[in-house]
N, C-alpha and C. Protein backbone atom coordinates (compact mmCIF):
# COMPACT_ATOMS: atom_id res chain seq x y z
N MET A 1 101.00 105.47 211.53
CA MET A 1 101.32 106.70 212.24
C MET A 1 100.05 107.51 212.45
N PRO A 2 99.80 108.04 213.66
CA PRO A 2 98.60 108.81 213.95
C PRO A 2 98.56 110.08 213.11
N GLN A 3 97.35 110.47 212.72
CA GLN A 3 97.16 111.68 211.92
C GLN A 3 96.93 112.87 212.84
N GLY A 4 97.36 114.04 212.42
CA GLY A 4 97.15 115.26 213.19
C GLY A 4 98.13 116.33 212.79
N PHE A 5 98.03 117.43 213.49
CA PHE A 5 98.89 118.59 213.22
C PHE A 5 99.96 118.67 214.31
N HIS A 6 101.19 118.88 213.89
CA HIS A 6 102.26 119.13 214.85
C HIS A 6 102.11 120.56 215.36
N ILE A 7 102.69 120.83 216.49
CA ILE A 7 102.52 122.12 217.14
C ILE A 7 102.98 123.29 216.27
N GLY A 8 104.03 123.10 215.48
CA GLY A 8 104.49 124.15 214.57
C GLY A 8 103.45 124.48 213.51
N GLN A 9 102.77 123.44 213.00
CA GLN A 9 101.71 123.66 212.02
C GLN A 9 100.55 124.42 212.65
N VAL A 10 100.20 124.03 213.87
CA VAL A 10 99.11 124.70 214.59
C VAL A 10 99.47 126.16 214.82
N ALA A 11 100.70 126.42 215.19
CA ALA A 11 101.15 127.80 215.41
C ALA A 11 101.00 128.62 214.13
N ARG A 12 101.43 128.07 213.00
CA ARG A 12 101.31 128.79 211.72
C ARG A 12 99.85 129.02 211.36
N GLU A 13 99.01 128.01 211.56
CA GLU A 13 97.58 128.10 211.21
C GLU A 13 96.84 129.13 212.06
N THR A 14 97.23 129.27 213.32
CA THR A 14 96.50 130.13 214.25
C THR A 14 97.15 131.49 214.45
N GLY A 15 98.39 131.65 214.00
CA GLY A 15 99.10 132.91 214.21
C GLY A 15 99.63 133.06 215.62
N LEU A 16 99.66 131.97 216.37
CA LEU A 16 100.20 131.98 217.73
C LEU A 16 101.62 131.44 217.72
N THR A 17 102.28 131.60 218.84
CA THR A 17 103.60 131.00 218.97
C THR A 17 103.44 129.60 219.55
N VAL A 18 104.45 128.79 219.36
CA VAL A 18 104.46 127.45 219.95
C VAL A 18 104.36 127.56 221.47
N ASP A 19 105.07 128.54 222.04
CA ASP A 19 105.02 128.74 223.48
C ASP A 19 103.61 129.07 223.96
N ALA A 20 102.87 129.87 223.19
CA ALA A 20 101.50 130.23 223.57
C ALA A 20 100.61 128.98 223.60
N ILE A 21 100.79 128.12 222.63
CA ILE A 21 99.99 126.88 222.58
C ILE A 21 100.34 125.98 223.76
N ARG A 22 101.62 125.87 224.05
CA ARG A 22 102.03 125.09 225.23
C ARG A 22 101.46 125.70 226.51
N PHE A 23 101.45 127.03 226.58
CA PHE A 23 100.90 127.73 227.73
C PHE A 23 99.41 127.42 227.90
N TYR A 24 98.66 127.47 226.80
CA TYR A 24 97.23 127.13 226.86
C TYR A 24 97.04 125.72 227.41
N GLU A 25 97.88 124.81 226.96
CA GLU A 25 97.79 123.43 227.42
C GLU A 25 98.12 123.36 228.92
N LYS A 26 99.16 124.06 229.33
CA LYS A 26 99.57 124.06 230.73
C LYS A 26 98.49 124.67 231.63
N GLN A 27 97.80 125.69 231.11
CA GLN A 27 96.73 126.35 231.86
C GLN A 27 95.41 125.58 231.79
N ARG A 28 95.44 124.44 231.12
CA ARG A 28 94.28 123.55 230.97
C ARG A 28 93.14 124.18 230.19
N LEU A 29 93.50 125.08 229.29
CA LEU A 29 92.52 125.60 228.34
C LEU A 29 92.35 124.60 227.20
N LEU A 30 93.36 123.80 227.02
CA LEU A 30 93.35 122.72 226.02
C LEU A 30 93.57 121.41 226.74
N LYS A 31 92.95 120.39 226.22
CA LYS A 31 93.25 119.06 226.78
C LYS A 31 94.63 118.67 226.29
N PRO A 32 95.35 117.88 227.08
CA PRO A 32 96.69 117.47 226.64
C PRO A 32 96.62 116.74 225.29
N ALA A 33 97.46 117.16 224.38
CA ALA A 33 97.47 116.55 223.05
C ALA A 33 98.14 115.19 223.12
N PRO A 34 97.59 114.23 222.38
CA PRO A 34 98.29 112.94 222.32
C PRO A 34 99.66 113.14 221.68
N ARG A 35 100.54 112.21 221.94
CA ARG A 35 101.91 112.34 221.44
C ARG A 35 102.27 111.19 220.51
N THR A 36 103.18 111.49 219.63
CA THR A 36 103.72 110.44 218.75
C THR A 36 104.71 109.62 219.56
N GLU A 37 105.20 108.54 218.97
CA GLU A 37 106.23 107.74 219.63
C GLU A 37 107.47 108.57 219.92
N GLY A 38 107.71 109.57 219.08
CA GLY A 38 108.86 110.46 219.27
C GLY A 38 108.60 111.57 220.28
N GLY A 39 107.39 111.64 220.83
CA GLY A 39 107.07 112.64 221.85
C GLY A 39 106.50 113.94 221.31
N PHE A 40 106.21 114.00 220.02
CA PHE A 40 105.65 115.23 219.45
C PHE A 40 104.14 115.28 219.68
N ARG A 41 103.65 116.45 220.03
CA ARG A 41 102.21 116.62 220.19
C ARG A 41 101.52 116.52 218.84
N LEU A 42 100.32 115.92 218.84
CA LEU A 42 99.50 115.86 217.64
C LEU A 42 98.14 116.47 217.96
N PHE A 43 97.81 117.53 217.24
CA PHE A 43 96.56 118.22 217.45
C PHE A 43 95.56 117.86 216.34
N SER A 44 94.30 117.77 216.70
CA SER A 44 93.24 117.46 215.74
C SER A 44 92.68 118.76 215.15
N GLY A 45 91.84 118.61 214.15
CA GLY A 45 91.16 119.77 213.59
C GLY A 45 90.29 120.45 214.64
N GLN A 46 89.69 119.66 215.53
CA GLN A 46 88.88 120.22 216.60
C GLN A 46 89.75 121.02 217.57
N ASP A 47 90.95 120.53 217.85
CA ASP A 47 91.89 121.27 218.70
C ASP A 47 92.23 122.62 218.07
N LEU A 48 92.41 122.60 216.75
CA LEU A 48 92.72 123.83 216.01
C LEU A 48 91.59 124.85 216.17
N GLN A 49 90.35 124.40 216.05
CA GLN A 49 89.20 125.29 216.23
C GLN A 49 89.15 125.81 217.67
N HIS A 50 89.44 124.95 218.60
CA HIS A 50 89.45 125.30 220.02
C HIS A 50 90.49 126.40 220.29
N ILE A 51 91.66 126.26 219.71
CA ILE A 51 92.74 127.25 219.87
C ILE A 51 92.33 128.58 219.25
N ARG A 52 91.69 128.53 218.09
CA ARG A 52 91.22 129.76 217.44
C ARG A 52 90.16 130.45 218.31
N PHE A 53 89.30 129.67 218.94
CA PHE A 53 88.29 130.20 219.86
C PHE A 53 88.97 130.94 221.01
N ILE A 54 89.98 130.33 221.60
CA ILE A 54 90.70 130.92 222.72
C ILE A 54 91.36 132.24 222.28
N ARG A 55 91.99 132.18 221.13
CA ARG A 55 92.68 133.38 220.63
C ARG A 55 91.70 134.52 220.38
N ARG A 56 90.56 134.20 219.78
CA ARG A 56 89.55 135.23 219.51
C ARG A 56 89.02 135.83 220.81
N ALA A 57 88.78 134.99 221.80
CA ALA A 57 88.29 135.48 223.09
C ALA A 57 89.34 136.40 223.73
N GLN A 58 90.61 136.05 223.61
CA GLN A 58 91.67 136.92 224.14
C GLN A 58 91.71 138.25 223.39
N GLU A 59 91.53 138.21 222.08
CA GLU A 59 91.52 139.44 221.30
C GLU A 59 90.40 140.37 221.74
N LEU A 60 89.30 139.78 222.23
CA LEU A 60 88.17 140.57 222.71
C LEU A 60 88.35 141.02 224.15
N GLY A 61 89.49 140.68 224.74
CA GLY A 61 89.82 141.18 226.07
C GLY A 61 89.43 140.27 227.22
N PHE A 62 89.01 139.06 226.93
CA PHE A 62 88.65 138.14 228.00
C PHE A 62 89.91 137.57 228.65
N SER A 63 89.86 137.46 229.96
CA SER A 63 90.98 136.88 230.72
C SER A 63 90.95 135.36 230.54
N LEU A 64 92.04 134.71 230.96
CA LEU A 64 92.08 133.25 230.86
C LEU A 64 91.00 132.60 231.72
N THR A 65 90.71 133.17 232.86
CA THR A 65 89.64 132.65 233.72
C THR A 65 88.30 132.77 233.01
N GLU A 66 88.06 133.92 232.38
CA GLU A 66 86.80 134.11 231.65
C GLU A 66 86.73 133.18 230.45
N ILE A 67 87.84 132.97 229.78
CA ILE A 67 87.86 132.07 228.62
C ILE A 67 87.56 130.65 229.07
N ARG A 68 88.11 130.26 230.19
CA ARG A 68 87.83 128.93 230.73
C ARG A 68 86.32 128.77 230.95
N GLU A 69 85.70 129.81 231.47
CA GLU A 69 84.26 129.79 231.70
C GLU A 69 83.50 129.72 230.37
N LEU A 70 83.94 130.50 229.39
CA LEU A 70 83.31 130.47 228.07
C LEU A 70 83.41 129.08 227.44
N LEU A 71 84.55 128.45 227.62
CA LEU A 71 84.73 127.11 227.06
C LEU A 71 83.77 126.11 227.71
N LEU A 72 83.55 126.26 229.01
CA LEU A 72 82.60 125.38 229.69
C LEU A 72 81.18 125.63 229.20
N LEU A 73 80.87 126.88 228.91
CA LEU A 73 79.53 127.24 228.45
C LEU A 73 79.29 126.89 226.98
N GLN A 74 80.35 126.71 226.24
CA GLN A 74 80.25 126.52 224.79
C GLN A 74 79.31 125.37 224.42
N GLY A 75 79.28 124.31 225.19
CA GLY A 75 78.43 123.17 224.86
C GLY A 75 76.98 123.34 225.27
N GLU A 76 76.69 124.31 226.14
CA GLU A 76 75.33 124.53 226.60
C GLU A 76 74.59 125.43 225.62
N GLN A 77 73.27 125.41 225.68
CA GLN A 77 72.49 126.18 224.70
C GLN A 77 71.97 127.47 225.31
N VAL A 78 70.68 127.52 225.65
CA VAL A 78 70.03 128.74 226.10
C VAL A 78 70.64 129.27 227.39
N GLU A 79 70.89 128.38 228.36
CA GLU A 79 71.46 128.82 229.63
C GLU A 79 72.80 129.52 229.41
N ALA A 80 73.57 129.00 228.51
CA ALA A 80 74.89 129.58 228.22
C ALA A 80 74.74 130.98 227.64
N CYS A 81 73.78 131.15 226.77
CA CYS A 81 73.62 132.44 226.09
C CYS A 81 73.35 133.56 227.09
N SER A 82 72.49 133.33 228.06
CA SER A 82 72.21 134.39 229.03
C SER A 82 73.43 134.68 229.89
N HIS A 83 74.21 133.66 230.21
CA HIS A 83 75.42 133.86 231.00
C HIS A 83 76.48 134.61 230.19
N VAL A 84 76.63 134.24 228.94
CA VAL A 84 77.59 134.93 228.07
C VAL A 84 77.17 136.39 227.90
N ARG A 85 75.87 136.63 227.82
CA ARG A 85 75.36 138.00 227.71
C ARG A 85 75.82 138.84 228.90
N VAL A 86 75.71 138.30 230.10
CA VAL A 86 76.15 139.00 231.31
C VAL A 86 77.65 139.29 231.23
N MET A 87 78.42 138.31 230.78
CA MET A 87 79.86 138.50 230.65
C MET A 87 80.17 139.60 229.63
N LEU A 88 79.44 139.61 228.52
CA LEU A 88 79.67 140.61 227.48
C LEU A 88 79.31 142.01 227.97
N ILE A 89 78.22 142.12 228.71
CA ILE A 89 77.83 143.42 229.26
C ILE A 89 78.94 143.95 230.17
N ALA A 90 79.47 143.09 231.03
CA ALA A 90 80.56 143.50 231.92
C ALA A 90 81.80 143.90 231.13
N LYS A 91 82.15 143.10 230.13
CA LYS A 91 83.34 143.39 229.32
C LYS A 91 83.16 144.71 228.57
N LEU A 92 81.98 144.94 228.01
CA LEU A 92 81.70 146.17 227.29
C LEU A 92 81.80 147.37 228.22
N GLY A 93 81.29 147.24 229.44
CA GLY A 93 81.41 148.32 230.43
C GLY A 93 82.86 148.64 230.73
N ALA A 94 83.68 147.60 230.88
CA ALA A 94 85.11 147.80 231.16
C ALA A 94 85.80 148.49 229.98
N VAL A 95 85.44 148.09 228.77
CA VAL A 95 86.04 148.70 227.57
C VAL A 95 85.63 150.17 227.48
N ARG A 96 84.37 150.46 227.74
CA ARG A 96 83.90 151.85 227.69
C ARG A 96 84.61 152.70 228.74
N GLN A 97 84.83 152.13 229.92
CA GLN A 97 85.55 152.85 230.97
C GLN A 97 86.98 153.14 230.53
N LYS A 98 87.62 152.14 229.91
CA LYS A 98 89.00 152.31 229.43
C LYS A 98 89.05 153.38 228.34
N ILE A 99 88.06 153.38 227.45
CA ILE A 99 88.00 154.39 226.39
C ILE A 99 87.88 155.78 227.00
N ALA A 100 87.04 155.93 228.03
CA ALA A 100 86.88 157.22 228.70
C ALA A 100 88.21 157.66 229.32
N GLU A 101 88.91 156.74 229.95
CA GLU A 101 90.22 157.05 230.54
C GLU A 101 91.22 157.45 229.46
N LEU A 102 91.20 156.74 228.33
CA LEU A 102 92.13 157.07 227.24
C LEU A 102 91.80 158.43 226.63
N ARG A 103 90.51 158.76 226.53
CA ARG A 103 90.13 160.08 226.00
C ARG A 103 90.61 161.20 226.94
N LYS A 104 90.49 160.96 228.24
CA LYS A 104 90.97 161.94 229.22
C LYS A 104 92.48 162.10 229.08
N LEU A 105 93.20 160.98 228.94
CA LEU A 105 94.64 161.02 228.74
C LEU A 105 94.99 161.77 227.45
N GLU A 106 94.24 161.50 226.39
CA GLU A 106 94.48 162.18 225.11
C GLU A 106 94.32 163.69 225.27
N ARG A 107 93.26 164.13 225.96
CA ARG A 107 93.05 165.57 226.17
C ARG A 107 94.19 166.20 226.97
N GLN A 108 94.65 165.50 227.99
CA GLN A 108 95.74 166.02 228.81
C GLN A 108 97.04 166.13 228.02
N LEU A 109 97.34 165.09 227.25
CA LEU A 109 98.56 165.11 226.43
C LEU A 109 98.50 166.21 225.38
N ALA A 110 97.33 166.38 224.76
CA ALA A 110 97.17 167.44 223.76
C ALA A 110 97.36 168.82 224.40
N ALA A 111 96.81 169.00 225.60
CA ALA A 111 96.96 170.28 226.30
C ALA A 111 98.43 170.53 226.66
N ASP A 112 99.12 169.48 227.13
CA ASP A 112 100.54 169.61 227.47
C ASP A 112 101.36 169.94 226.23
N LEU A 113 101.06 169.28 225.12
CA LEU A 113 101.77 169.55 223.87
C LEU A 113 101.54 170.98 223.41
N LYS A 114 100.31 171.44 223.51
CA LYS A 114 99.98 172.81 223.12
C LYS A 114 100.76 173.81 223.98
N GLN A 115 100.85 173.52 225.27
CA GLN A 115 101.60 174.38 226.19
C GLN A 115 103.08 174.43 225.80
N CYS A 116 103.64 173.26 225.46
CA CYS A 116 105.05 173.21 225.04
C CYS A 116 105.27 174.01 223.76
N GLU A 117 104.41 173.79 222.79
CA GLU A 117 104.56 174.49 221.51
C GLU A 117 104.42 175.98 221.67
N SER A 118 103.51 176.42 222.53
CA SER A 118 103.32 177.84 222.79
C SER A 118 104.57 178.43 223.43
N ARG A 119 105.11 177.74 224.39
CA ARG A 119 106.32 178.21 225.08
C ARG A 119 107.49 178.30 224.09
N LEU A 120 107.60 177.30 223.23
CA LEU A 120 108.71 177.31 222.27
C LEU A 120 108.59 178.45 221.26
N ARG A 121 107.37 178.79 220.85
CA ARG A 121 107.19 179.89 219.92
C ARG A 121 107.51 181.23 220.57
N VAL A 122 107.08 181.40 221.81
CA VAL A 122 107.24 182.68 222.50
C VAL A 122 108.68 182.89 222.95
N ARG A 123 109.28 181.85 223.45
CA ARG A 123 110.61 181.99 224.03
C ARG A 123 111.59 181.00 223.40
N ALA A 124 111.79 181.13 222.13
CA ALA A 124 112.68 180.21 221.43
C ALA A 124 114.10 180.29 221.96
N GLU A 125 114.49 181.45 222.41
CA GLU A 125 115.85 181.64 222.90
C GLU A 125 115.96 181.51 224.42
N SER A 126 114.85 181.40 225.09
CA SER A 126 114.84 181.36 226.56
C SER A 126 115.29 180.00 227.07
N HIS A 127 115.88 180.03 228.24
CA HIS A 127 116.29 178.79 228.88
C HIS A 127 115.44 178.51 230.12
N ASP A 128 114.21 179.06 230.13
CA ASP A 128 113.29 178.81 231.25
C ASP A 128 112.95 177.33 231.29
N ALA A 129 112.53 176.92 232.46
CA ALA A 129 112.12 175.52 232.64
C ALA A 129 110.87 175.24 231.81
N CYS A 130 110.76 174.03 231.41
CA CYS A 130 109.60 173.60 230.62
C CYS A 130 108.35 173.63 231.51
N PRO A 131 107.28 174.31 231.07
CA PRO A 131 106.09 174.42 231.90
C PRO A 131 105.42 173.07 232.18
N VAL A 132 105.53 172.15 231.27
CA VAL A 132 104.92 170.84 231.48
C VAL A 132 105.69 170.09 232.57
N LEU A 133 107.03 170.17 232.55
CA LEU A 133 107.82 169.52 233.60
C LEU A 133 107.55 170.17 234.95
N GLU A 134 107.38 171.50 234.95
CA GLU A 134 107.05 172.19 236.20
C GLU A 134 105.69 171.70 236.73
N SER A 135 104.74 171.55 235.82
CA SER A 135 103.41 171.06 236.20
C SER A 135 103.47 169.65 236.76
N PHE A 136 104.28 168.79 236.13
CA PHE A 136 104.45 167.41 236.63
C PHE A 136 105.02 167.44 238.05
N ALA A 137 106.03 168.29 238.26
CA ALA A 137 106.69 168.37 239.58
C ALA A 137 105.70 168.89 240.62
N GLU A 138 104.92 169.92 240.29
CA GLU A 138 103.94 170.44 241.23
C GLU A 138 102.91 169.38 241.57
N HIS A 139 102.48 168.64 240.61
CA HIS A 139 101.48 167.60 240.82
C HIS A 139 102.03 166.51 241.73
N THR A 140 103.31 166.22 241.58
CA THR A 140 103.96 165.19 242.40
C THR A 140 104.11 165.69 243.83
N ARG A 141 104.50 166.94 244.00
CA ARG A 141 104.66 167.50 245.34
C ARG A 141 103.32 167.54 246.07
N GLY A 142 102.26 167.79 245.34
CA GLY A 142 100.93 167.88 245.95
C GLY A 142 100.39 166.53 246.40
N LYS A 143 100.95 165.41 245.93
CA LYS A 143 100.45 164.08 246.24
C LYS A 143 101.09 163.47 247.48
N LYS A 144 102.04 164.15 248.10
CA LYS A 144 102.75 163.56 249.25
C LYS A 144 101.86 163.37 250.43
């Protein structure tokens, strides 16, 4: 009987789902795993490392297309390093942009919350419209 890891074992080892591993295979991020006579996939230790590489790249925000490129570069030496550097610079720029957007969102939400809390303290018994909802409506009307 051939030696290897069944897909359930690979899923447990990598923290992925069986469906995710099948998806990687379908997307050709993994070479098709050989099968047992019963049709079960058998993954090697190298396949396991490959899957962990893919998962780590996804955790760092790389798309499947970018991961495919990284996998192609993995075997190259110096040329690959300069190309990966360019990819990392672009990814870091995108992350910094997202952080700036999230900080702006955080400031807006904090300001809206402060406005709500102020209104509730001043007019606890009032049935006036919520100033934040009024602001949302005005902003929507202005975008037409």
